[in-house]
Amino acid sequence: MALFIPTIFIFYNESAAVYVLIYGIIATIGNLLGSLIKKMSN
């Protein structure tokens, strides 16, 4: 998510900034699912 922020200003216009929030939500869900699976396998 943080690495996408500079590309907004280099390659896209400022209207693409909403995707930072979307990528952050997806990354958080992935981390939560990963930690849940790890807890279940131990």
Protein backbone atom coordinates (compact mmCIF):
# COMPACT_ATOMS: atom_id res chain seq x y z
CA MET A 1 0.00 0.00 0.00
CA ALA A 2 2.71 2.46 0.96
CA LEU A 3 4.73 1.68 -2.17
CA PHE A 4 1.73 2.49 -4.36
CA ILE A 5 1.48 6.08 -3.08
CA PRO A 6 4.46 7.47 -5.07
CA THR A 7 3.19 5.85 -8.27
CA ILE A 8 -0.03 7.83 -8.01
CA PHE A 9 1.85 11.07 -8.55
CA ILE A 10 4.26 9.62 -11.13
CA PHE A 11 1.97 7.57 -13.39
CA TYR A 12 -1.63 8.40 -12.44
CA ASN A 13 -3.60 11.44 -11.43
CA GLU A 14 -4.83 12.20 -7.92
CA SER A 15 -8.17 10.47 -8.51
CA ALA A 16 -6.35 7.14 -8.15
CA ALA A 17 -5.65 7.89 -4.48
CA VAL A 18 -8.80 5.99 -3.45
CA TYR A 19 -7.03 2.79 -4.50
CA VAL A 20 -4.55 3.23 -1.65
CA LEU A 21 -7.42 2.70 0.78
CA ILE A 22 -8.72 -0.28 -1.18
CA TYR A 23 -5.27 -1.91 -1.29
CA GLY A 24 -4.89 -1.30 2.44
CA ILE A 25 -8.20 -3.00 3.20
CA ILE A 26 -7.30 -5.98 1.00
CA ALA A 27 -3.87 -6.28 2.64
CA THR A 28 -5.39 -6.13 6.13
CA ILE A 29 -7.92 -8.85 5.28
CA GLY A 30 -5.11 -11.00 3.89
CA ASN A 31 -3.03 -10.55 7.03
CA LEU A 32 -5.96 -11.42 9.27
CA LEU A 33 -6.79 -14.54 7.26
CA GLY A 34 -3.14 -15.58 7.28
CA SER A 35 -2.85 -15.24 11.03
CA LEU A 36 -6.11 -17.15 11.50
CA ILE A 37 -4.89 -20.01 9.32
CA LYS A 38 -1.57 -20.08 11.18
CA LYS A 39 -3.34 -20.27 14.55
CA MET A 40 -5.57 -23.09 13.31
CA SER A 41 -2.63 -25.14 11.99
CA ASN A 42 -0.65 -25.00 15.27
